[in-house]
Amino acid sequence: MTNKANMIGTVLQILAFASLLLGPAPGAIAQTYPAKTIHLLVPFPAGGPADLLSRVVAKKLSDGLGEQVVVENRPGAGGTIAMEAVSKSPPDGYTLALGSNSTFAIAPILYRKLRYDPFKSFAPITLIARSSSVILVSTSVPAASLQELIALAKSSPGKLNFGSNGNGTIPHLAGMLFQSLTGVSFVHIPYKGAAQVTTDLIAGQIQVGFIVSSGLEQYIRDGKLKAVAVASSKRLPQLPEVPTAAEAGLPGFETYTWFGLAAPQGTPQDVIQRLNAETLKSLAAKETNNVLVKQGFEPEGTTPEQFSRFIAAEAEKWAPVIKASGMRLD
């Protein structure tokens, strides 16, 4: 009996040691997650739409998860610096990315030496929201409508500048698409974020911008910027007086920026599901929804699988636009 008892004890010790090596079972991870601060990396500067969105969602996520979700702005290289950092982070759910169509659907086509793969480097969590672009004109430009802007640009090819959040971002591609559809010629001025574009547009340093609608209403109503059209299928509730591009005589011009949450590939599925559930809960909260809608966002939560398919469809949509433009970045 003693030998048998010793044998059982030895087996139990081996099993206990093996469990330490293997780590906790998948179900146990979700029960203990999160146990420390979560870092949400935002690929764009503070003050822009992505920053605003991330802070609203992060606050609600912190409440739901019981641990603080800290927003870290890491702009640069069209948002790819932050995305690369997240892709190389431990897949434990403590480093997340606020991705966008720029970083997920466009960068892989645009950059020759991209150091992450949107499908192999990340585990999608959920689409969060989208925001339509607004065609904005500096008050120094003698054009009060979309057709007047097009006529002015055609009469002075290469004399008007348009600013964007950076090479390969949606505002950049929106400008390229606009030129393709209208036959005008602008000079592209890339910035590091939407806030800088808006500032220089107000100051008259640039003449045109294709900026997401978030937070623009006051500038427009105060007469600091002129909105000649919105690039959406219907008028925006926060700018009901501004016609759609189709209504203004440019059918087919629809562009928007979307944002979604992702973790490094290999993050436990239990953790992904927990983050998905809490994010959807935060988006459904009336106070969060009201703030986002007021800022020009259209909240739109999905399952991880739906978000993955959405990214693939967006990449397919923008590929011909990028290839037709001849743009490639190192």
C-alpha atoms as a PDB file:
ATOM      1  CA  MET A   1       0.000   0.000   0.000  1.00  0.00           C
ATOM      2  CA  THR A   2       2.885   2.295   0.786  1.00  0.00           C
ATOM      3  CA  ASN A   3       4.443   1.797  -2.668  1.00  0.00           C
ATOM      4  CA  LYS A   4       1.045   2.374  -4.296  1.00  0.00           C
ATOM      5  CA  ALA A   5       0.530   5.553  -2.267  1.00  0.00           C
ATOM      6  CA  ASN A   6       3.995   6.765  -3.191  1.00  0.00           C
ATOM      7  CA  MET A   7       3.295   6.065  -6.855  1.00  0.00           C
ATOM      8  CA  ILE A   8       0.005   8.019  -6.757  1.00  0.00           C
ATOM      9  CA  GLY A   9       1.761  10.899  -5.020  1.00  0.00           C
ATOM     10  CA  THR A  10       4.470  10.965  -7.671  1.00  0.00           C
ATOM     11  CA  VAL A  11       1.898  10.982 -10.486  1.00  0.00           C
ATOM     12  CA  LEU A  12       0.033  13.871  -8.864  1.00  0.00           C
ATOM     13  CA  GLN A  13       3.275  15.835  -8.547  1.00  0.00           C
ATOM     14  CA  ILE A  14       4.045  15.264 -12.219  1.00  0.00           C
ATOM     15  CA  LEU A  15       0.568  16.382 -13.229  1.00  0.00           C
ATOM     16  CA  ALA A  16       0.817  19.487 -11.067  1.00  0.00           C
ATOM     17  CA  PHE A  17       4.186  20.361 -12.584  1.00  0.00           C
ATOM     18  CA  ALA A  18       2.838  19.801 -16.100  1.00  0.00           C
ATOM     19  CA  SER A  19      -0.099  22.100 -15.418  1.00  0.00           C
ATOM     20  CA  LEU A  20       2.322  24.847 -14.439  1.00  0.00           C
ATOM     21  CA  LEU A  21       4.203  24.407 -17.708  1.00  0.00           C
ATOM     22  CA  LEU A  22       1.069  24.349 -19.830  1.00  0.00           C
ATOM     23  CA  GLY A  23      -0.579  27.272 -18.070  1.00  0.00           C
ATOM     24  CA  PRO A  24      -4.258  27.664 -17.171  1.00  0.00           C
ATOM     25  CA  ALA A  25      -6.975  25.997 -19.190  1.00  0.00           C
ATOM     26  CA  PRO A  26      -8.720  28.228 -21.771  1.00  0.00           C
ATOM     27  CA  GLY A  27     -11.856  28.607 -19.681  1.00  0.00           C
ATOM     28  CA  ALA A  28      -9.817  29.681 -16.683  1.00  0.00           C
ATOM     29  CA  ILE A  29      -8.231  32.543 -18.661  1.00  0.00           C
ATOM     30  CA  ALA A  30     -11.557  34.277 -19.253  1.00  0.00           C
ATOM     31  CA  GLN A  31     -12.451  33.926 -15.575  1.00  0.00           C
ATOM     32  CA  THR A  32      -9.258  35.687 -14.479  1.00  0.00           C
ATOM     33  CA  TYR A  33      -9.029  38.202 -17.354  1.00  0.00           C
ATOM     34  CA  PRO A  34      -8.310  41.009 -16.978  1.00  0.00           C
ATOM     35  CA  ALA A  35      -6.002  41.131 -13.993  1.00  0.00           C
ATOM     36  CA  LYS A  36      -4.101  44.315 -14.885  1.00  0.00           C
ATOM     37  CA  THR A  37      -4.219  47.474 -17.023  1.00  0.00           C
ATOM     38  CA  ILE A  38      -5.053  47.070 -20.721  1.00  0.00           C
ATOM     39  CA  HIS A  39      -3.308  49.299 -23.280  1.00  0.00           C
ATOM     40  CA  LEU A  40      -5.243  50.451 -26.347  1.00  0.00           C
ATOM     41  CA  LEU A  41      -2.882  51.734 -29.036  1.00  0.00           C
ATOM     42  CA  VAL A  42      -4.374  54.364 -31.350  1.00  0.00           C
ATOM     43  CA  PRO A  43      -2.487  54.876 -34.636  1.00  0.00           C
ATOM     44  CA  PHE A  44      -3.354  58.572 -34.879  1.00  0.00           C
ATOM     45  CA  PRO A  45      -2.582  61.732 -32.832  1.00  0.00           C
ATOM     46  CA  ALA A  46      -4.572  63.077 -29.910  1.00  0.00           C
ATOM     47  CA  GLY A  47      -7.420  65.428 -30.765  1.00  0.00           C
ATOM     48  CA  GLY A  48      -8.642  63.666 -33.899  1.00  0.00           C
ATOM     49  CA  PRO A  49     -11.712  61.470 -34.488  1.00  0.00           C
ATOM     50  CA  ALA A  50      -9.882  58.205 -33.711  1.00  0.00           C
ATOM     51  CA  ASP A  51      -8.644  59.608 -30.403  1.00  0.00           C
ATOM     52  CA  LEU A  52     -12.106  60.831 -29.403  1.00  0.00           C
ATOM     53  CA  LEU A  53     -13.721  57.518 -30.298  1.00  0.00           C
ATOM     54  CA  SER A  54     -11.098  55.457 -28.470  1.00  0.00           C
ATOM     55  CA  ARG A  55     -11.420  57.452 -25.238  1.00  0.00           C
ATOM     56  CA  VAL A  56     -15.201  57.210 -25.176  1.00  0.00           C
ATOM     57  CA  VAL A  57     -15.098  53.440 -25.729  1.00  0.00           C
ATOM     58  CA  ALA A  58     -12.110  52.892 -23.393  1.00  0.00           C
ATOM     59  CA  LYS A  59     -13.912  54.554 -20.495  1.00  0.00           C
ATOM     60  CA  LYS A  60     -16.908  52.249 -20.862  1.00  0.00           C
ATOM     61  CA  LEU A  61     -14.693  49.196 -21.343  1.00  0.00           C
ATOM     62  CA  SER A  62     -12.832  50.045 -18.134  1.00  0.00           C
ATOM     63  CA  ASP A  63     -16.119  50.032 -16.252  1.00  0.00           C
ATOM     64  CA  GLY A  64     -17.241  46.738 -17.776  1.00  0.00           C
ATOM     65  CA  LEU A  65     -13.935  44.891 -17.432  1.00  0.00           C
ATOM     66  CA  GLY A  66     -13.104  46.147 -13.961  1.00  0.00           C
ATOM     67  CA  GLU A  67      -9.596  47.176 -15.029  1.00  0.00           C
ATOM     68  CA  GLN A  68      -8.399  50.413 -16.580  1.00  0.00           C
ATOM     69  CA  VAL A  69      -8.118  50.617 -20.382  1.00  0.00           C
ATOM     70  CA  VAL A  70      -5.423  53.206 -21.130  1.00  0.00           C
ATOM     71  CA  VAL A  71      -5.341  54.933 -24.518  1.00  0.00           C
ATOM     72  CA  GLU A  72      -1.874  55.419 -26.055  1.00  0.00           C
ATOM     73  CA  ASN A  73      -1.511  57.539 -29.194  1.00  0.00           C
ATOM     74  CA  ARG A  74       1.251  56.290 -31.503  1.00  0.00           C
ATOM     75  CA  PRO A  75       0.914  58.154 -34.803  1.00  0.00           C
ATOM     76  CA  GLY A  76       3.141  57.900 -37.843  1.00  0.00           C
ATOM     77  CA  ALA A  77       3.550  56.101 -41.178  1.00  0.00           C
ATOM     78  CA  GLY A  78      -0.167  56.168 -41.927  1.00  0.00           C
ATOM     79  CA  GLY A  79      -0.941  54.400 -38.662  1.00  0.00           C
ATOM     80  CA  THR A  80       1.294  51.394 -39.325  1.00  0.00           C
ATOM     81  CA  ILE A  81       3.712  52.073 -36.439  1.00  0.00           C
ATOM     82  CA  ALA A  82       1.085  51.395 -33.785  1.00  0.00           C
ATOM     83  CA  MET A  83      -0.297  48.392 -35.651  1.00  0.00           C
ATOM     84  CA  GLU A  84       3.146  46.817 -35.938  1.00  0.00           C
ATOM     85  CA  ALA A  85       3.707  47.346 -32.205  1.00  0.00           C
ATOM     86  CA  VAL A  86       0.454  45.554 -31.366  1.00  0.00           C
ATOM     87  CA  SER A  87       1.168  42.709 -33.799  1.00  0.00           C
ATOM     88  CA  LYS A  88       4.443  42.014 -31.950  1.00  0.00           C
ATOM     89  CA  SER A  89       2.917  42.247 -28.464  1.00  0.00           C
ATOM     90  CA  PRO A  90       2.194  39.180 -26.300  1.00  0.00           C
ATOM     91  CA  PRO A  91      -1.157  37.620 -27.308  1.00  0.00           C
ATOM     92  CA  ASP A  92      -2.660  37.934 -23.848  1.00  0.00           C
ATOM     93  CA  GLY A  93      -5.360  40.585 -24.333  1.00  0.00           C
ATOM     94  CA  TYR A  94      -3.457  43.360 -22.589  1.00  0.00           C
ATOM     95  CA  THR A  95      -2.365  45.215 -25.739  1.00  0.00           C
ATOM     96  CA  LEU A  96      -5.090  46.102 -28.244  1.00  0.00           C
ATOM     97  CA  ALA A  97      -5.266  48.150 -31.445  1.00  0.00           C
ATOM     98  CA  LEU A  98      -7.832  50.598 -32.710  1.00  0.00           C
ATOM     99  CA  GLY A  99      -7.507  49.681 -36.380  1.00  0.00           C
ATOM    100  CA  SER A 100      -9.131  51.432 -39.327  1.00  0.00           C
ATOM    101  CA  ASN A 101      -9.612  50.975 -43.045  1.00  0.00           C
ATOM    102  CA  SER A 102      -6.287  52.807 -43.451  1.00  0.00           C
ATOM    103  CA  THR A 103      -4.337  50.328 -41.338  1.00  0.00           C
ATOM    104  CA  PHE A 104      -6.240  47.114 -42.121  1.00  0.00           C
ATOM    105  CA  ALA A 105      -7.545  47.383 -45.693  1.00  0.00           C
ATOM    106  CA  ILE A 106      -5.302  49.949 -47.381  1.00  0.00           C
ATOM    107  CA  ALA A 107      -1.811  49.709 -45.878  1.00  0.00           C
ATOM    108  CA  PRO A 108      -1.227  46.107 -47.068  1.00  0.00           C
ATOM    109  CA  ILE A 109      -1.826  47.220 -50.667  1.00  0.00           C
ATOM    110  CA  LEU A 110      -0.042  50.562 -50.380  1.00  0.00           C
ATOM    111  CA  TYR A 111       3.165  49.700 -48.504  1.00  0.00           C
ATOM    112  CA  ARG A 112       5.846  47.544 -50.100  1.00  0.00           C
ATOM    113  CA  LYS A 113       7.509  46.635 -46.803  1.00  0.00           C
ATOM    114  CA  LEU A 114       4.669  46.416 -44.327  1.00  0.00           C
ATOM    115  CA  ARG A 115       5.773  44.557 -41.199  1.00  0.00           C
ATOM    116  CA  TYR A 116       2.386  43.086 -40.322  1.00  0.00           C
ATOM    117  CA  ASP A 117      -0.339  41.161 -42.100  1.00  0.00           C
ATOM    118  CA  PRO A 118      -3.908  42.318 -41.339  1.00  0.00           C
ATOM    119  CA  PHE A 119      -5.195  38.742 -41.547  1.00  0.00           C
ATOM    120  CA  LYS A 120      -2.297  36.771 -40.025  1.00  0.00           C
ATOM    121  CA  SER A 121      -1.054  39.239 -37.384  1.00  0.00           C
ATOM    122  CA  PHE A 122      -4.335  40.107 -35.668  1.00  0.00           C
ATOM    123  CA  ALA A 123      -7.409  38.584 -34.080  1.00  0.00           C
ATOM    124  CA  PRO A 124     -10.383  40.826 -34.983  1.00  0.00           C
ATOM    125  CA  ILE A 125     -12.663  41.691 -32.056  1.00  0.00           C
ATOM    126  CA  THR A 126     -15.355  43.984 -33.450  1.00  0.00           C
ATOM    127  CA  LEU A 127     -16.090  46.837 -35.789  1.00  0.00           C
ATOM    128  CA  ILE A 128     -16.870  49.855 -33.593  1.00  0.00           C
ATOM    129  CA  ALA A 129     -18.098  52.720 -35.750  1.00  0.00           C
ATOM    130  CA  ARG A 130     -17.839  54.528 -39.046  1.00  0.00           C
ATOM    131  CA  SER A 131     -17.911  58.205 -40.004  1.00  0.00           C
ATOM    132  CA  SER A 132     -18.631  59.663 -43.444  1.00  0.00           C
ATOM    133  CA  SER A 133     -16.290  62.155 -45.090  1.00  0.00           C
ATOM    134  CA  VAL A 134     -17.207  65.801 -45.590  1.00  0.00           C
ATOM    135  CA  ILE A 135     -15.821  67.848 -48.481  1.00  0.00           C
ATOM    136  CA  LEU A 136     -14.556  70.992 -46.776  1.00  0.00           C
ATOM    137  CA  VAL A 137     -13.306  74.227 -48.295  1.00  0.00           C
ATOM    138  CA  SER A 138     -11.340  77.030 -46.665  1.00  0.00           C
ATOM    139  CA  THR A 139     -13.247  80.306 -46.307  1.00  0.00           C
ATOM    140  CA  SER A 140     -10.485  81.911 -48.407  1.00  0.00           C
ATOM    141  CA  VAL A 141     -11.599  79.874 -51.440  1.00  0.00           C
ATOM    142  CA  PRO A 142     -14.226  81.591 -53.648  1.00  0.00           C
ATOM    143  CA  ALA A 143     -16.469  78.534 -53.916  1.00  0.00           C
ATOM    144  CA  ALA A 144     -19.689  78.039 -51.967  1.00  0.00           C
ATOM    145  CA  SER A 145     -20.849  74.804 -53.602  1.00  0.00           C
ATOM    146  CA  LEU A 146     -19.393  71.561 -54.907  1.00  0.00           C
ATOM    147  CA  GLN A 147     -19.889  72.565 -58.537  1.00  0.00           C
ATOM    148  CA  GLU A 148     -18.212  75.942 -57.914  1.00  0.00           C
ATOM    149  CA  LEU A 149     -15.243  74.126 -56.323  1.00  0.00           C
ATOM    150  CA  ILE A 150     -14.936  71.783 -59.310  1.00  0.00           C
ATOM    151  CA  ALA A 151     -15.160  74.699 -61.758  1.00  0.00           C
ATOM    152  CA  LEU A 152     -12.505  76.658 -59.828  1.00  0.00           C
ATOM    153  CA  ALA A 153     -10.162  73.655 -59.694  1.00  0.00           C
ATOM    154  CA  LYS A 154     -10.562  73.044 -63.449  1.00  0.00           C
ATOM    155  CA  SER A 155      -9.770  76.665 -64.220  1.00  0.00           C
ATOM    156  CA  SER A 156      -6.598  76.556 -62.086  1.00  0.00           C
ATOM    157  CA  PRO A 157      -5.137  73.012 -62.319  1.00  0.00           C
ATOM    158  CA  GLY A 158      -2.585  72.254 -59.601  1.00  0.00           C
ATOM    159  CA  LYS A 159      -3.214  75.540 -57.772  1.00  0.00           C
ATOM    160  CA  LEU A 160      -5.406  74.145 -54.968  1.00  0.00           C
ATOM    161  CA  ASN A 161      -4.005  71.978 -52.169  1.00  0.00           C
ATOM    162  CA  PHE A 162      -5.871  69.284 -50.291  1.00  0.00           C
ATOM    163  CA  GLY A 163      -4.726  67.976 -46.931  1.00  0.00           C
ATOM    164  CA  SER A 164      -5.042  64.451 -45.526  1.00  0.00           C
ATOM    165  CA  ASN A 165      -4.226  62.530 -42.344  1.00  0.00           C
ATOM    166  CA  GLY A 166      -1.236  60.997 -44.155  1.00  0.00           C
ATOM    167  CA  ASN A 167      -0.313  58.963 -47.206  1.00  0.00           C
ATOM    168  CA  GLY A 168      -2.685  56.068 -47.721  1.00  0.00           C
ATOM    169  CA  THR A 169      -5.328  57.248 -45.277  1.00  0.00           C
ATOM    170  CA  ILE A 170      -8.969  57.472 -46.314  1.00  0.00           C
ATOM    171  CA  PRO A 171      -8.870  61.303 -46.652  1.00  0.00           C
ATOM    172  CA  HIS A 172      -5.918  60.859 -49.043  1.00  0.00           C
ATOM    173  CA  LEU A 173      -7.697  58.223 -51.119  1.00  0.00           C
ATOM    174  CA  ALA A 174     -10.913  60.250 -51.017  1.00  0.00           C
ATOM    175  CA  GLY A 175      -9.000  63.122 -52.609  1.00  0.00           C
ATOM    176  CA  MET A 176      -7.594  60.791 -55.263  1.00  0.00           C
ATOM    177  CA  LEU A 177     -11.047  59.382 -55.991  1.00  0.00           C
ATOM    178  CA  PHE A 178     -12.506  62.906 -56.175  1.00  0.00           C
ATOM    179  CA  GLN A 179      -9.901  63.939 -58.741  1.00  0.00           C
ATOM    180  CA  SER A 180     -10.526  60.782 -60.757  1.00  0.00           C
ATOM    181  CA  LEU A 181     -14.303  61.352 -60.857  1.00  0.00           C
ATOM    182  CA  THR A 182     -14.140  65.089 -61.623  1.00  0.00           C
ATOM    183  CA  GLY A 183     -10.992  65.431 -63.712  1.00  0.00           C
ATOM    184  CA  VAL A 184      -9.529  68.147 -61.470  1.00  0.00           C
ATOM    185  CA  SER A 185      -5.936  68.313 -60.251  1.00  0.00           C
ATOM    186  CA  PHE A 186      -5.063  69.043 -56.605  1.00  0.00           C
ATOM    187  CA  VAL A 187      -1.703  69.050 -54.818  1.00  0.00           C
ATOM    188  CA  HIS A 188      -1.704  66.571 -51.912  1.00  0.00           C
ATOM    189  CA  ILE A 189      -0.335  67.743 -48.547  1.00  0.00           C
ATOM    190  CA  PRO A 190       0.009  64.831 -46.059  1.00  0.00           C
ATOM    191  CA  TYR A 191      -0.254  65.510 -42.309  1.00  0.00           C
ATOM    192  CA  LYS A 192       0.064  63.301 -39.237  1.00  0.00           C
ATOM    193  CA  GLY A 193      -3.588  63.529 -38.215  1.00  0.00           C
ATOM    194  CA  ALA A 194      -7.013  65.055 -38.821  1.00  0.00           C
ATOM    195  CA  ALA A 195      -6.615  67.754 -36.149  1.00  0.00           C
ATOM    196  CA  GLN A 196      -3.681  69.338 -37.995  1.00  0.00           C
ATOM    197  CA  VAL A 197      -5.554  69.212 -41.299  1.00  0.00           C
ATOM    198  CA  THR A 198      -8.545  70.996 -39.768  1.00  0.00           C
ATOM    199  CA  THR A 199      -6.327  73.657 -38.149  1.00  0.00           C
ATOM    200  CA  ASP A 200      -4.534  74.495 -41.409  1.00  0.00           C
ATOM    201  CA  LEU A 201      -7.790  74.406 -43.366  1.00  0.00           C
ATOM    202  CA  ILE A 202      -9.276  76.995 -41.004  1.00  0.00           C
ATOM    203  CA  ALA A 203      -6.099  79.091 -41.281  1.00  0.00           C
ATOM    204  CA  GLY A 204      -6.182  78.905 -45.098  1.00  0.00           C
ATOM    205  CA  GLN A 205      -2.832  77.096 -45.364  1.00  0.00           C
ATOM    206  CA  ILE A 206      -4.613  74.441 -47.434  1.00  0.00           C
ATOM    207  CA  GLN A 207      -7.757  74.927 -49.483  1.00  0.00           C
ATOM    208  CA  VAL A 208      -9.611  71.611 -49.496  1.00  0.00           C
ATOM    209  CA  GLY A 209     -10.050  68.664 -47.118  1.00  0.00           C
ATOM    210  CA  PHE A 210     -11.916  65.362 -47.158  1.00  0.00           C
ATOM    211  CA  ILE A 211     -12.347  64.950 -43.412  1.00  0.00           C
ATOM    212  CA  VAL A 212     -14.531  62.604 -41.411  1.00  0.00           C
ATOM    213  CA  SER A 213     -17.559  64.391 -40.005  1.00  0.00           C
ATOM    214  CA  SER A 214     -16.667  63.933 -36.335  1.00  0.00           C
ATOM    215  CA  GLY A 215     -16.513  67.235 -34.450  1.00  0.00           C
ATOM    216  CA  LEU A 216     -16.787  69.530 -37.489  1.00  0.00           C
ATOM    217  CA  GLU A 217     -20.262  70.968 -36.978  1.00  0.00           C
ATOM    218  CA  GLN A 218     -19.228  73.917 -34.794  1.00  0.00           C
ATOM    219  CA  TYR A 219     -16.511  75.058 -37.207  1.00  0.00           C
ATOM    220  CA  ILE A 220     -19.021  74.952 -40.053  1.00  0.00           C
ATOM    221  CA  ARG A 221     -21.788  76.737 -38.144  1.00  0.00           C
ATOM    222  CA  ASP A 222     -19.338  79.391 -36.897  1.00  0.00           C
ATOM    223  CA  GLY A 223     -18.346  80.119 -40.493  1.00  0.00           C
ATOM    224  CA  LYS A 224     -14.745  78.951 -40.063  1.00  0.00           C
ATOM    225  CA  LEU A 225     -15.130  76.228 -42.702  1.00  0.00           C
ATOM    226  CA  LYS A 226     -17.402  75.680 -45.676  1.00  0.00           C
ATOM    227  CA  ALA A 227     -18.949  72.230 -46.175  1.00  0.00           C
ATOM    228  CA  VAL A 228     -19.957  71.776 -49.828  1.00  0.00           C
ATOM    229  CA  ALA A 229     -21.065  68.119 -49.651  1.00  0.00           C
ATOM    230  CA  VAL A 230     -20.991  64.939 -47.573  1.00  0.00           C
ATOM    231  CA  ALA A 231     -19.638  61.745 -49.139  1.00  0.00           C
ATOM    232  CA  SER A 232     -22.476  59.515 -47.984  1.00  0.00           C
ATOM    233  CA  SER A 233     -25.651  58.021 -49.405  1.00  0.00           C
ATOM    234  CA  LYS A 234     -27.812  60.227 -47.184  1.00  0.00           C
ATOM    235  CA  ARG A 235     -27.493  63.532 -45.372  1.00  0.00           C
ATOM    236  CA  LEU A 236     -25.893  63.472 -41.944  1.00  0.00           C
ATOM    237  CA  PRO A 237     -28.152  64.190 -38.946  1.00  0.00           C
ATOM    238  CA  GLN A 238     -25.595  66.587 -37.467  1.00  0.00           C
ATOM    239  CA  LEU A 239     -25.265  68.474 -40.816  1.00  0.00           C
ATOM    240  CA  PRO A 240     -28.762  68.287 -42.321  1.00  0.00           C
ATOM    241  CA  GLU A 241     -28.236  71.415 -44.408  1.00  0.00           C
ATOM    242  CA  VAL A 242     -25.245  69.970 -46.304  1.00  0.00           C
ATOM    243  CA  PRO A 243     -26.187  68.014 -49.463  1.00  0.00           C
ATOM    244  CA  THR A 244     -24.785  64.601 -50.351  1.00  0.00           C
ATOM    245  CA  ALA A 245     -22.248  64.474 -53.162  1.00  0.00           C
ATOM    246  CA  ALA A 246     -24.888  62.878 -55.389  1.00  0.00           C
ATOM    247  CA  GLU A 247     -27.352  65.679 -54.631  1.00  0.00           C
ATOM    248  CA  ALA A 248     -24.610  68.207 -55.424  1.00  0.00           C
ATOM    249  CA  GLY A 249     -23.959  66.632 -58.825  1.00  0.00           C
ATOM    250  CA  LEU A 250     -21.268  64.035 -58.110  1.00  0.00           C
ATOM    251  CA  PRO A 251     -22.878  60.570 -57.924  1.00  0.00           C
ATOM    252  CA  GLY A 252     -20.672  57.670 -56.894  1.00  0.00           C
ATOM    253  CA  PHE A 253     -18.535  59.656 -54.465  1.00  0.00           C
ATOM    254  CA  GLU A 254     -19.025  57.913 -51.120  1.00  0.00           C
ATOM    255  CA  THR A 255     -16.183  57.540 -48.637  1.00  0.00           C
ATOM    256  CA  TYR A 256     -16.064  56.917 -44.901  1.00  0.00           C
ATOM    257  CA  THR A 257     -13.583  56.022 -42.210  1.00  0.00           C
ATOM    258  CA  TRP A 258     -14.257  53.074 -39.944  1.00  0.00           C
ATOM    259  CA  PHE A 259     -12.601  51.932 -36.751  1.00  0.00           C
ATOM    260  CA  GLY A 260     -12.457  48.514 -35.115  1.00  0.00           C
ATOM    261  CA  LEU A 261     -10.840  46.706 -32.219  1.00  0.00           C
ATOM    262  CA  ALA A 262      -8.229  43.964 -32.655  1.00  0.00           C
ATOM    263  CA  ALA A 263      -5.747  41.972 -30.562  1.00  0.00           C
ATOM    264  CA  PRO A 264      -2.540  40.156 -31.540  1.00  0.00           C
ATOM    265  CA  GLN A 265      -3.102  36.860 -33.334  1.00  0.00           C
ATOM    266  CA  GLY A 266      -3.045  33.958 -30.880  1.00  0.00           C
ATOM    267  CA  THR A 267      -4.964  35.783 -28.164  1.00  0.00           C
ATOM    268  CA  PRO A 268      -7.162  33.173 -26.400  1.00  0.00           C
ATOM    269  CA  GLN A 269     -10.637  32.930 -27.887  1.00  0.00           C
ATOM    270  CA  ASP A 270     -12.207  33.327 -24.448  1.00  0.00           C
ATOM    271  CA  VAL A 271     -10.493  36.706 -24.107  1.00  0.00           C
ATOM    272  CA  ILE A 272     -11.585  37.786 -27.599  1.00  0.00           C
ATOM    273  CA  GLN A 273     -15.187  36.884 -26.785  1.00  0.00           C
ATOM    274  CA  ARG A 274     -15.035  38.762 -23.477  1.00  0.00           C
ATOM    275  CA  LEU A 275     -13.668  41.884 -25.169  1.00  0.00           C
ATOM    276  CA  ASN A 276     -16.272  41.583 -27.919  1.00  0.00           C
ATOM    277  CA  ALA A 277     -19.130  41.288 -25.433  1.00  0.00           C
ATOM    278  CA  GLU A 278     -17.965  44.241 -23.338  1.00  0.00           C
ATOM    279  CA  THR A 279     -17.374  46.438 -26.399  1.00  0.00           C
ATOM    280  CA  LEU A 280     -20.838  45.692 -27.787  1.00  0.00           C
ATOM    281  CA  LYS A 281     -22.283  46.441 -24.367  1.00  0.00           C
ATOM    282  CA  SER A 282     -20.468  49.788 -24.272  1.00  0.00           C
ATOM    283  CA  LEU A 283     -21.709  50.710 -27.764  1.00  0.00           C
ATOM    284  CA  ALA A 284     -25.277  49.843 -26.787  1.00  0.00           C
ATOM    285  CA  ALA A 285     -25.143  52.076 -23.702  1.00  0.00           C
ATOM    286  CA  LYS A 286     -27.299  55.153 -24.315  1.00  0.00           C
ATOM    287  CA  GLU A 287     -24.729  57.636 -23.032  1.00  0.00           C
ATOM    288  CA  THR A 288     -21.975  56.203 -25.254  1.00  0.00           C
ATOM    289  CA  ASN A 289     -24.243  55.989 -28.272  1.00  0.00           C
ATOM    290  CA  ASN A 290     -25.416  59.582 -27.846  1.00  0.00           C
ATOM    291  CA  VAL A 291     -21.867  60.940 -27.584  1.00  0.00           C
ATOM    292  CA  LEU A 292     -20.663  59.059 -30.659  1.00  0.00           C
ATOM    293  CA  VAL A 293     -23.671  60.017 -32.800  1.00  0.00           C
ATOM    294  CA  LYS A 294     -23.319  63.654 -31.737  1.00  0.00           C
ATOM    295  CA  GLN A 295     -19.685  63.551 -32.842  1.00  0.00           C
ATOM    296  CA  GLY A 296     -20.597  62.214 -36.269  1.00  0.00           C
ATOM    297  CA  PHE A 297     -20.031  58.500 -35.703  1.00  0.00           C
ATOM    298  CA  GLU A 298     -22.371  55.679 -36.603  1.00  0.00           C
ATOM    299  CA  PRO A 299     -21.864  52.973 -33.917  1.00  0.00           C
ATOM    300  CA  GLU A 300     -21.753  49.512 -35.454  1.00  0.00           C
ATOM    301  CA  GLY A 301     -20.725  46.481 -33.391  1.00  0.00           C
ATOM    302  CA  THR A 302     -20.138  43.063 -34.976  1.00  0.00           C
ATOM    303  CA  THR A 303     -18.973  39.568 -34.130  1.00  0.00           C
ATOM    304  CA  PRO A 304     -15.241  38.829 -34.622  1.00  0.00           C
ATOM    305  CA  GLU A 305     -16.126  36.735 -37.690  1.00  0.00           C
ATOM    306  CA  GLN A 306     -18.213  39.515 -39.232  1.00  0.00           C
ATOM    307  CA  PHE A 307     -15.421  42.010 -38.640  1.00  0.00           C
ATOM    308  CA  SER A 308     -12.918  39.705 -40.348  1.00  0.00           C
ATOM    309  CA  ARG A 309     -15.147  39.425 -43.430  1.00  0.00           C
ATOM    310  CA  PHE A 310     -15.713  43.192 -43.388  1.00  0.00           C
ATOM    311  CA  ILE A 311     -11.942  43.859 -43.471  1.00  0.00           C
ATOM    312  CA  ALA A 312     -11.538  41.514 -46.448  1.00  0.00           C
ATOM    313  CA  ALA A 313     -14.361  43.261 -48.340  1.00  0.00           C
ATOM    314  CA  GLU A 314     -12.841  46.697 -47.660  1.00  0.00           C
ATOM    315  CA  ALA A 315      -9.433  45.567 -48.940  1.00  0.00           C
ATOM    316  CA  GLU A 316     -11.098  44.342 -52.122  1.00  0.00           C
ATOM    317  CA  LYS A 317     -12.937  47.670 -52.490  1.00  0.00           C
ATOM    318  CA  TRP A 318      -9.874  49.927 -52.239  1.00  0.00           C
ATOM    319  CA  ALA A 319      -7.337  47.775 -54.107  1.00  0.00           C
ATOM    320  CA  PRO A 320      -8.331  48.990 -57.607  1.00  0.00           C
ATOM    321  CA  VAL A 321      -8.343  52.652 -56.474  1.00  0.00           C
ATOM    322  CA  ILE A 322      -4.793  52.377 -55.107  1.00  0.00           C
ATOM    323  CA  LYS A 323      -3.503  50.424 -58.105  1.00  0.00           C
ATOM    324  CA  ALA A 324      -5.073  52.876 -60.554  1.00  0.00           C
ATOM    325  CA  SER A 325      -3.401  55.777 -58.757  1.00  0.00           C
ATOM    326  CA  GLY A 326       0.027  54.132 -59.000  1.00  0.00           C
ATOM    327  CA  MET A 327       0.729  54.899 -55.335  1.00  0.00           C
ATOM    328  CA  ARG A 328       3.248  52.667 -53.555  1.00  0.00           C
ATOM    329  CA  LEU A 329       5.100  53.510 -50.339  1.00  0.00           C
ATOM    330  CA  ASP A 330       8.184  51.951 -48.755  1.00  0.00           C
END
